[in-house]
Amino acid sequence: MTTPGYWYAVAYWLGCMLMAGMNQRRLQGVKLTGVSLLFLSLLTLFMVATDGVETVYFVPCMILIFLVVCLLMLSICEMGICKAVYFSVHAFILGEFMASLAWQLAFYLEPAPLGQVALMAGVYIVSIVSLYFLVRHYNSDNDQLDIGWKEMLTAMGIGLVIYAMSNMSYISQDSPFSSRFPSEIFIIRTVTDLGGIGLLFAYHMMLRELLVNMERELLKRLVHMQGENYRMAEESVALVNQKYHDLKHQIALLRAGIDADSGKAILDQVENEIKAYEAQNKTGNKVLDTMLTAKSLQCQASQISLTCVADGHALDFMDPLDLSALIGNALDNAIESVMKIGDPSKRLIHVSVATQKMFVRIRVENCYIGELVFQNGTLATTKSDRKYHGYGMKSIRKIVEKYGGSTTIDTENGWFELRILLPVQQSTSAE
């Protein structure tokens, strides 16, 4: 008494759709529905046609079925081959478990044909919904998971062992993992497949934990690097300020010894430029002043226009290291973006900091070219090596969350706008 082929087809398809729902999809709406139903039809037709196939053709048929599941995952999800195979193994073993459990219950309850279909539907719905609520909190970082050949082959190895053990009774009834009695065969299959789901889930959690630890370490290094950058910027700005201060006195001495109007005009121009430098980036917050001045010098060297209107006192409550990392990462991202613009006159960045009721509003705007990619509402890095990039924005979000704030991104008419809203808190930073 074997499980009908269409039971497996529906189970594999549902498992694949559950895995697809936990990843970034390339298809939406009508296209997603149409492609999904097409693959469901292909799976059903093939499995019904090969139902009860001879043992010698069993393995090739199952390989083809698994390839169809992989193709479905590739068709509807934004992922590479290794990742598609990895999640297809999860979907395949999940489908094996659901079909095995449903048919085991049907074997014991012996319902009418219509009751069998109702039982199958009930088991599948309960299984999918239960697994969805169990794992949904652990799959938020699936898009960032770096699944390569090693991870794919490991998942395939686990899936192959589980599948072989659960189906051993159909190949040989003399092994330690097989039985001659249908009731025992169904129990072995169901328990083995359930254990396979647990093993694959544990392996997935291990990969996710590695990702979280790597992100934590990289973010820590990024904050430390921004802190070092701030200290170097502070020293550089102090040195430049000293040079400008000395130059003011030298101009005063030169002015006393010059009679020509042209010479005085040149000194007036130089003196006005010094006054303009002294007036810029004086927001009232030492950390903000230092970061803005350092980035202004960097922008001048790259022909970037950086303007700022900021009330620095509004950010006095922030830890200096957090503030330097927040502003530093935001401006680094903006500078990197505008550097892609060929025309220097269009390399524009604007920063504003203001108090609005009981909140501090930080806004960093810049021009951009090209297409920005968003994943689950979050800006994704456009660099080819995604494993070690995109952490500037993550660092910003982490700092903002630390202070109970929110971060939003808006893009319109070639302008990128990063908006940060922080609740006003009691100042904890030192003067």
Protein backbone atom coordinates (compact mmCIF):
# COMPACT_ATOMS: atom_id res chain seq x y z
CA MET A 1 0.00 0.00 0.00
CA THR A 2 2.03 2.96 -1.30
CA THR A 3 1.32 6.67 -1.07
CA PRO A 4 -0.39 8.06 -4.23
CA GLY A 5 1.94 10.12 -6.41
CA TYR A 6 -0.21 13.25 -6.39
CA TRP A 7 0.04 13.35 -2.58
CA TYR A 8 3.79 13.78 -2.94
CA ALA A 9 3.43 16.29 -5.80
CA VAL A 10 1.26 18.60 -3.69
CA ALA A 11 3.52 18.13 -0.65
CA TYR A 12 6.71 18.98 -2.58
CA TRP A 13 5.03 22.01 -4.12
CA LEU A 14 3.80 23.29 -0.76
CA GLY A 15 7.24 22.80 0.77
CA CYS A 16 8.79 24.74 -2.09
CA MET A 17 6.28 27.59 -1.72
CA LEU A 18 6.99 27.79 2.02
CA MET A 19 10.74 28.08 1.37
CA ALA A 20 10.11 30.62 -1.39
CA GLY A 21 8.02 32.72 0.99
CA MET A 22 11.03 33.05 3.28
CA ASN A 23 13.27 34.42 0.53
CA GLN A 24 13.35 37.35 -1.86
CA ARG A 25 11.05 36.56 -4.78
CA ARG A 26 11.64 37.62 -8.37
CA LEU A 27 8.00 37.03 -9.32
CA GLN A 28 4.94 38.64 -7.78
CA GLY A 29 1.18 38.60 -8.20
CA VAL A 30 -0.26 36.95 -11.31
CA LYS A 31 3.14 35.81 -12.63
CA LEU A 32 3.97 34.09 -9.34
CA THR A 33 0.58 32.35 -9.28
CA GLY A 34 0.81 31.26 -12.90
CA VAL A 35 4.36 29.86 -12.70
CA SER A 36 3.62 28.12 -9.40
CA LEU A 37 0.49 26.42 -10.71
CA LEU A 38 2.33 25.40 -13.88
CA PHE A 39 5.01 23.62 -11.85
CA LEU A 40 2.35 22.04 -9.63
CA SER A 41 0.70 20.64 -12.75
CA LEU A 42 4.03 19.31 -14.07
CA LEU A 43 4.86 17.65 -10.75
CA THR A 44 1.41 16.09 -10.46
CA LEU A 45 1.34 14.76 -14.00
CA PHE A 46 4.84 13.31 -13.77
CA MET A 47 4.29 11.66 -10.38
CA VAL A 48 0.94 10.20 -11.35
CA ALA A 49 2.45 8.86 -14.57
CA THR A 50 5.38 7.27 -12.73
CA ASP A 51 3.36 6.04 -9.76
CA GLY A 52 4.38 2.47 -8.93
CA VAL A 53 7.39 2.56 -11.26
CA GLU A 54 9.85 -0.33 -11.08
CA THR A 55 12.70 -0.06 -8.57
CA VAL A 56 15.34 0.33 -11.29
CA TYR A 57 13.63 3.52 -12.53
CA PHE A 58 12.75 4.83 -9.07
CA VAL A 59 15.99 6.74 -8.39
CA PRO A 60 16.15 8.47 -11.82
CA CYS A 61 12.52 9.56 -11.42
CA MET A 62 13.19 11.02 -7.96
CA ILE A 63 16.24 12.89 -9.31
CA LEU A 64 14.04 14.42 -12.02
CA ILE A 65 11.42 15.39 -9.44
CA PHE A 66 14.07 17.08 -7.29
CA LEU A 67 15.38 18.96 -10.34
CA VAL A 68 11.86 20.22 -11.03
CA VAL A 69 11.63 21.46 -7.43
CA CYS A 70 14.99 23.24 -7.87
CA LEU A 71 13.81 24.80 -11.12
CA LEU A 72 10.65 26.04 -9.41
CA MET A 73 12.75 27.64 -6.65
CA LEU A 74 15.03 29.29 -9.22
CA SER A 75 12.07 30.54 -11.25
CA ILE A 76 10.26 32.35 -8.46
CA CYS A 77 13.11 33.39 -6.14
CA GLU A 78 15.96 35.86 -6.48
CA MET A 79 18.85 33.49 -5.76
CA GLY A 80 21.69 31.52 -7.33
CA ILE A 81 21.91 27.81 -8.06
CA CYS A 82 23.61 26.83 -4.79
CA LYS A 83 21.02 28.64 -2.70
CA ALA A 84 18.15 27.25 -4.77
CA VAL A 85 19.39 23.68 -4.32
CA TYR A 86 19.94 24.30 -0.60
CA PHE A 87 16.34 25.42 0.00
CA SER A 88 15.00 22.79 -2.41
CA VAL A 89 16.46 20.10 -0.14
CA HIS A 90 14.51 21.66 2.75
CA ALA A 91 11.35 21.72 0.64
CA PHE A 92 11.85 18.14 -0.56
CA ILE A 93 12.32 16.63 2.92
CA LEU A 94 9.42 18.71 4.23
CA GLY A 95 7.24 17.35 1.41
CA GLU A 96 8.36 13.80 2.23
CA PHE A 97 7.35 14.29 5.86
CA MET A 98 3.93 15.75 5.09
CA ALA A 99 3.03 13.05 2.55
CA SER A 100 4.28 10.30 4.86
CA LEU A 101 2.39 11.60 7.89
CA ALA A 102 -0.84 12.11 5.92
CA TRP A 103 -0.72 8.62 4.38
CA GLN A 104 0.17 7.01 7.72
CA LEU A 105 -2.96 8.54 9.25
CA ALA A 106 -5.00 7.46 6.21
CA PHE A 107 -3.63 3.91 6.57
CA TYR A 108 -4.83 3.69 10.19
CA LEU A 109 -8.10 5.61 9.87
CA GLU A 110 -9.09 4.06 6.52
CA PRO A 111 -11.38 6.92 5.41
CA ALA A 112 -13.36 6.97 2.18
CA PRO A 113 -11.62 8.38 -0.94
CA LEU A 114 -13.11 11.83 -0.36
CA GLY A 115 -12.11 11.60 3.30
CA GLN A 116 -8.54 10.77 2.24
CA VAL A 117 -8.35 14.00 0.27
CA ALA A 118 -9.76 15.97 3.21
CA LEU A 119 -7.28 14.29 5.55
CA MET A 120 -4.40 15.10 3.20
CA ALA A 121 -5.47 18.74 2.96
CA GLY A 122 -5.81 19.02 6.75
CA VAL A 123 -2.39 17.52 7.47
CA TYR A 124 -0.71 19.70 4.84
CA ILE A 125 -2.35 22.90 6.05
CA VAL A 126 -1.54 22.22 9.71
CA SER A 127 2.05 21.25 8.86
CA ILE A 128 2.73 24.29 6.65
CA VAL A 129 1.12 26.78 9.05
CA SER A 130 2.89 25.27 12.08
CA LEU A 131 6.29 25.31 10.40
CA TYR A 132 5.74 28.83 9.12
CA PHE A 133 5.08 30.20 12.60
CA LEU A 134 7.96 28.16 14.03
CA VAL A 135 10.62 29.40 11.63
CA ARG A 136 9.43 32.82 10.44
CA HIS A 137 11.46 34.64 13.14
CA TYR A 138 14.60 32.76 12.11
CA ASN A 139 14.47 33.50 8.40
CA SER A 140 14.71 37.30 8.30
CA ASP A 141 18.34 37.11 7.17
CA ASN A 142 17.92 34.51 4.44
CA ASP A 143 18.66 37.08 1.74
CA GLN A 144 22.04 37.78 3.36
CA LEU A 145 22.94 34.11 3.83
CA ASP A 146 25.97 33.26 1.72
CA ILE A 147 25.14 29.75 0.50
CA GLY A 148 28.05 28.33 -1.49
CA TRP A 149 29.03 24.89 -2.71
CA LYS A 150 30.05 23.73 0.75
CA GLU A 151 26.71 24.63 2.35
CA MET A 152 24.76 23.25 -0.61
CA LEU A 153 26.60 19.91 -0.60
CA THR A 154 26.19 19.59 3.18
CA ALA A 155 22.42 20.11 2.89
CA MET A 156 22.28 17.66 -0.01
CA GLY A 157 24.21 15.10 2.03
CA ILE A 158 21.80 15.41 4.94
CA GLY A 159 18.80 15.19 2.62
CA LEU A 160 20.20 12.17 0.77
CA VAL A 161 20.87 10.23 3.99
CA ILE A 162 17.42 11.04 5.38
CA TYR A 163 15.69 10.09 2.13
CA ALA A 164 17.65 6.82 1.84
CA MET A 165 16.89 5.82 5.42
CA SER A 166 13.19 6.67 5.14
CA ASN A 167 12.78 4.68 1.91
CA MET A 168 15.08 1.75 2.74
CA SER A 169 12.15 -0.62 3.21
CA TYR A 170 11.14 -0.23 -0.46
CA ILE A 171 14.65 -1.20 -1.63
CA SER A 172 15.67 -3.87 0.90
CA GLN A 173 13.70 -5.37 3.77
CA ASP A 174 16.76 -6.94 5.39
CA SER A 175 18.55 -3.80 6.56
CA PRO A 176 18.51 -2.46 10.17
CA PHE A 177 16.47 0.54 8.96
CA SER A 178 13.71 -1.31 7.11
CA SER A 179 10.68 -3.43 7.86
CA ARG A 180 8.36 -5.93 6.18
CA PHE A 181 5.16 -4.52 7.71
CA PRO A 182 3.39 -1.48 6.19
CA SER A 183 2.54 0.04 9.60
CA GLU A 184 6.20 -0.04 10.67
CA ILE A 185 7.35 1.26 7.29
CA PHE A 186 5.10 4.29 7.62
CA ILE A 187 6.31 4.97 11.17
CA ILE A 188 9.97 4.69 10.10
CA ARG A 189 9.42 7.07 7.19
CA THR A 190 7.50 9.66 9.20
CA VAL A 191 9.90 9.68 12.16
CA THR A 192 12.98 9.71 9.90
CA ASP A 193 11.63 12.59 7.79
CA LEU A 194 10.74 14.53 10.93
CA GLY A 195 14.29 14.03 12.18
CA GLY A 196 15.55 15.21 8.79
CA ILE A 197 13.56 18.43 9.10
CA GLY A 198 15.11 18.93 12.52
CA LEU A 199 18.66 18.32 11.22
CA LEU A 200 18.25 20.67 8.29
CA PHE A 201 16.70 23.31 10.53
CA ALA A 202 19.59 22.97 13.01
CA TYR A 203 22.12 23.33 10.19
CA HIS A 204 20.25 26.40 8.91
CA MET A 205 20.32 27.90 12.40
CA MET A 206 24.06 27.29 12.59
CA LEU A 207 24.60 29.13 9.30
CA ARG A 208 22.37 31.94 10.48
CA GLU A 209 24.26 32.17 13.78
CA LEU A 210 27.52 32.39 11.86
CA LEU A 211 26.04 35.21 9.80
CA VAL A 212 24.84 37.05 12.92
CA ASN A 213 28.24 36.68 14.59
CA MET A 214 30.01 37.86 11.46
CA GLU A 215 27.70 40.87 11.18
CA ARG A 216 28.21 41.69 14.86
CA GLU A 217 31.99 41.53 14.46
CA LEU A 218 31.98 43.57 11.27
CA LEU A 219 29.70 46.20 12.78
CA LYS A 220 31.96 46.37 15.84
CA ARG A 221 34.97 46.85 13.57
CA LEU A 222 33.10 49.45 11.54
CA VAL A 223 32.21 51.47 14.65
CA HIS A 224 35.81 51.16 15.87
CA MET A 225 37.10 52.27 12.47
CA GLN A 226 34.81 55.29 12.47
CA GLY A 227 36.05 56.10 15.97
CA GLU A 228 39.63 55.96 14.74
CA ASN A 229 38.66 58.10 11.76
CA TYR A 230 37.09 60.60 14.12
CA ARG A 231 40.25 60.80 16.23
CA MET A 232 42.40 61.29 13.12
CA ALA A 233 39.94 63.86 11.77
CA GLU A 234 40.02 65.69 15.10
CA GLU A 235 43.80 65.91 14.96
CA SER A 236 43.76 66.99 11.30
CA VAL A 237 41.11 69.65 11.87
CA ALA A 238 42.97 70.96 14.90
CA LEU A 239 46.13 71.23 12.83
CA VAL A 240 44.31 73.02 10.00
CA ASN A 241 42.69 75.39 12.49
CA GLN A 242 46.09 76.19 13.96
CA LYS A 243 47.48 76.89 10.49
CA TYR A 244 44.58 79.19 9.69
CA HIS A 245 45.01 80.95 13.02
CA ASP A 246 48.71 81.52 12.32
CA LEU A 247 47.90 82.68 8.80
CA LYS A 248 45.57 85.37 10.16
CA HIS A 249 48.41 86.91 12.15
CA GLN A 250 50.76 86.68 9.17
CA ILE A 251 48.23 88.49 7.00
CA ALA A 252 47.95 91.23 9.61
CA LEU A 253 51.73 91.73 9.50
CA LEU A 254 51.77 91.75 5.69
CA ARG A 255 48.92 94.24 5.53
CA ALA A 256 50.89 96.69 7.64
CA GLY A 257 53.75 96.63 5.15
CA ILE A 258 51.77 96.85 1.89
CA ASP A 259 50.74 100.15 0.34
CA ALA A 260 49.46 99.05 -3.04
CA ASP A 261 45.70 98.68 -3.39
CA SER A 262 46.11 95.49 -5.44
CA GLY A 263 48.14 93.87 -2.70
CA LYS A 264 45.56 94.80 -0.08
CA ALA A 265 42.76 93.42 -2.30
CA ILE A 266 44.52 90.07 -2.49
CA LEU A 267 44.93 90.00 1.28
CA ASP A 268 41.28 90.96 1.73
CA GLN A 269 40.27 88.02 -0.45
CA VAL A 270 42.45 85.59 1.50
CA GLU A 271 41.12 86.95 4.79
CA ASN A 272 37.51 86.56 3.64
CA GLU A 273 38.22 82.93 2.70
CA ILE A 274 39.65 82.33 6.18
CA LYS A 275 36.55 83.86 7.76
CA ALA A 276 34.35 81.67 5.58
CA TYR A 277 36.29 78.60 6.74
CA GLU A 278 35.96 79.65 10.38
CA ALA A 279 32.22 80.12 9.99
CA GLN A 280 31.56 76.73 8.40
CA ASN A 281 30.64 73.64 10.37
CA LYS A 282 30.23 75.45 13.67
CA THR A 283 27.13 73.60 14.80
CA GLY A 284 27.71 73.69 18.55
CA ASN A 285 28.63 70.00 18.81
CA LYS A 286 32.35 69.24 18.75
CA VAL A 287 31.98 65.73 17.35
CA LEU A 288 29.59 66.83 14.61
CA ASP A 289 31.82 69.81 13.75
CA THR A 290 34.87 67.58 13.43
CA MET A 291 33.14 64.99 11.22
CA LEU A 292 31.58 67.63 8.98
CA THR A 293 34.85 69.53 8.59
CA ALA A 294 36.81 66.37 7.80
CA LYS A 295 34.22 65.24 5.24
CA SER A 296 34.09 68.78 3.79
CA LEU A 297 37.83 68.64 3.11
CA GLN A 298 37.36 65.21 1.51
CA CYS A 299 34.52 66.56 -0.63
CA GLN A 300 36.55 69.57 -1.75
CA ALA A 301 39.30 67.25 -2.97
CA SER A 302 36.72 65.24 -4.97
CA GLN A 303 34.81 68.24 -6.35
CA ILE A 304 31.73 67.51 -4.26
CA SER A 305 29.51 70.27 -2.91
CA LEU A 306 28.64 69.55 0.74
CA THR A 307 26.27 71.94 2.50
CA CYS A 308 25.05 71.72 6.05
CA VAL A 309 22.43 73.39 8.25
CA ALA A 310 22.63 71.81 11.67
CA ASP A 311 21.82 72.48 15.30
CA GLY A 312 24.62 70.45 16.90
CA HIS A 313 23.33 70.98 20.44
CA ALA A 314 20.35 68.79 19.58
CA LEU A 315 22.73 65.80 19.42
CA ASP A 316 24.53 66.40 22.71
CA PHE A 317 22.78 63.39 24.25
CA MET A 318 24.51 60.96 21.87
CA ASP A 319 27.69 59.12 22.75
CA PRO A 320 30.58 60.63 20.72
CA LEU A 321 31.50 57.25 19.23
CA ASP A 322 27.88 56.60 18.16
CA LEU A 323 27.52 60.09 16.68
CA SER A 324 30.79 59.87 14.75
CA ALA A 325 29.85 56.42 13.39
CA LEU A 326 26.33 57.60 12.47
CA ILE A 327 27.40 60.74 10.62
CA GLY A 328 30.55 59.15 9.24
CA ASN A 329 28.72 56.19 7.69
CA ALA A 330 25.92 58.36 6.32
CA LEU A 331 28.36 60.76 4.66
CA ASP A 332 30.63 57.96 3.43
CA ASN A 333 27.63 56.37 1.69
CA ALA A 334 26.61 59.72 0.21
CA ILE A 335 30.15 60.49 -1.01
CA GLU A 336 30.49 57.04 -2.55
CA SER A 337 27.16 57.53 -4.33
CA VAL A 338 27.86 60.99 -5.82
CA MET A 339 31.34 59.95 -6.95
CA LYS A 340 29.60 57.81 -9.59
CA ILE A 341 28.29 61.03 -11.19
CA GLY A 342 30.57 62.21 -13.99
CA ASP A 343 29.53 65.88 -13.87
CA PRO A 344 31.15 67.52 -10.75
CA SER A 345 28.45 70.22 -10.72
CA LYS A 346 25.86 67.54 -9.92
CA ARG A 347 27.79 66.01 -7.02
CA LEU A 348 25.60 67.48 -4.30
CA ILE A 349 25.22 66.47 -0.65
CA HIS A 350 23.14 68.27 1.95
CA VAL A 351 22.98 67.58 5.69
CA SER A 352 20.46 69.02 8.12
CA VAL A 353 19.94 68.52 11.85
CA ALA A 354 16.99 70.14 13.63
CA THR A 355 14.75 69.67 16.63
CA GLN A 356 11.11 68.99 15.89
CA LYS A 357 8.93 68.90 18.99
CA MET A 358 10.45 66.11 21.14
CA PHE A 359 12.51 64.60 18.32
CA VAL A 360 15.78 65.29 16.56
CA ARG A 361 15.51 65.05 12.80
CA ILE A 362 18.66 64.20 10.84
CA ARG A 363 18.49 64.30 7.08
CA VAL A 364 21.25 63.41 4.63
CA GLU A 365 20.44 63.99 0.95
CA ASN A 366 22.52 63.38 -2.15
CA CYS A 367 22.16 63.04 -5.90
CA TYR A 368 22.58 59.59 -7.41
CA ILE A 369 22.55 57.83 -10.75
CA GLY A 370 21.65 54.25 -11.61
CA GLU A 371 19.09 51.96 -10.03
CA LEU A 372 18.87 51.33 -6.29
CA VAL A 373 17.94 47.83 -5.14
CA PHE A 374 15.67 47.26 -2.15
CA GLN A 375 15.18 43.94 -0.35
CA ASN A 376 12.30 43.62 2.14
CA GLY A 377 12.13 47.40 2.38
CA THR A 378 15.86 47.73 3.05
CA LEU A 379 18.43 49.23 0.70
CA ALA A 380 20.71 46.46 -0.60
CA THR A 381 24.33 46.95 -1.53
CA THR A 382 25.04 47.25 -5.25
CA LYS A 383 28.57 45.85 -4.91
CA SER A 384 29.30 42.43 -6.33
CA ASP A 385 30.80 41.14 -3.07
CA ARG A 386 27.69 41.38 -0.88
CA LYS A 387 29.19 39.27 1.88
CA TYR A 388 31.40 42.08 3.18
CA HIS A 389 29.48 45.15 2.05
CA GLY A 390 26.28 46.93 2.98
CA TYR A 391 27.19 47.19 6.66
CA GLY A 392 27.34 51.00 6.70
CA MET A 393 23.55 51.21 6.54
CA LYS A 394 23.21 48.35 9.01
CA SER A 395 25.48 50.20 11.43
CA ILE A 396 23.34 53.32 11.06
CA ARG A 397 20.14 51.38 11.77
CA LYS A 398 21.71 49.68 14.78
CA ILE A 399 22.81 52.99 16.31
CA VAL A 400 19.42 54.58 15.64
CA GLU A 401 17.62 51.62 17.23
CA LYS A 402 19.90 51.94 20.27
CA TYR A 403 18.42 55.39 20.90
CA GLY A 404 14.84 54.31 20.16
CA GLY A 405 14.69 56.09 16.83
CA SER A 406 13.63 55.20 13.30
CA THR A 407 15.28 55.27 9.87
CA THR A 408 13.54 55.80 6.54
CA ILE A 409 14.85 56.05 3.00
CA ASP A 410 13.23 57.91 0.12
CA THR A 411 14.28 58.15 -3.52
CA GLU A 412 12.72 60.58 -5.96
CA ASN A 413 13.86 62.40 -9.10
CA GLY A 414 17.49 61.39 -8.75
CA TRP A 415 17.71 62.35 -5.06
CA PHE A 416 18.44 59.89 -2.27
CA GLU A 417 17.23 60.95 1.16
CA LEU A 418 18.13 59.29 4.45
CA ARG A 419 15.85 60.43 7.28
CA ILE A 420 16.64 59.65 10.90
CA LEU A 421 14.27 60.50 13.76
CA LEU A 422 15.60 60.29 17.33
CA PRO A 423 13.64 61.00 20.51
CA VAL A 424 15.28 63.76 22.52
CA GLN A 425 17.10 62.34 25.55
CA GLN A 426 19.07 63.74 28.43
CA SER A 427 22.59 64.60 27.38
CA THR A 428 25.20 61.99 28.31
CA SER A 429 28.12 63.24 26.26
CA ALA A 430 31.01 65.16 27.71
CA GLU A 431 31.94 68.63 26.60
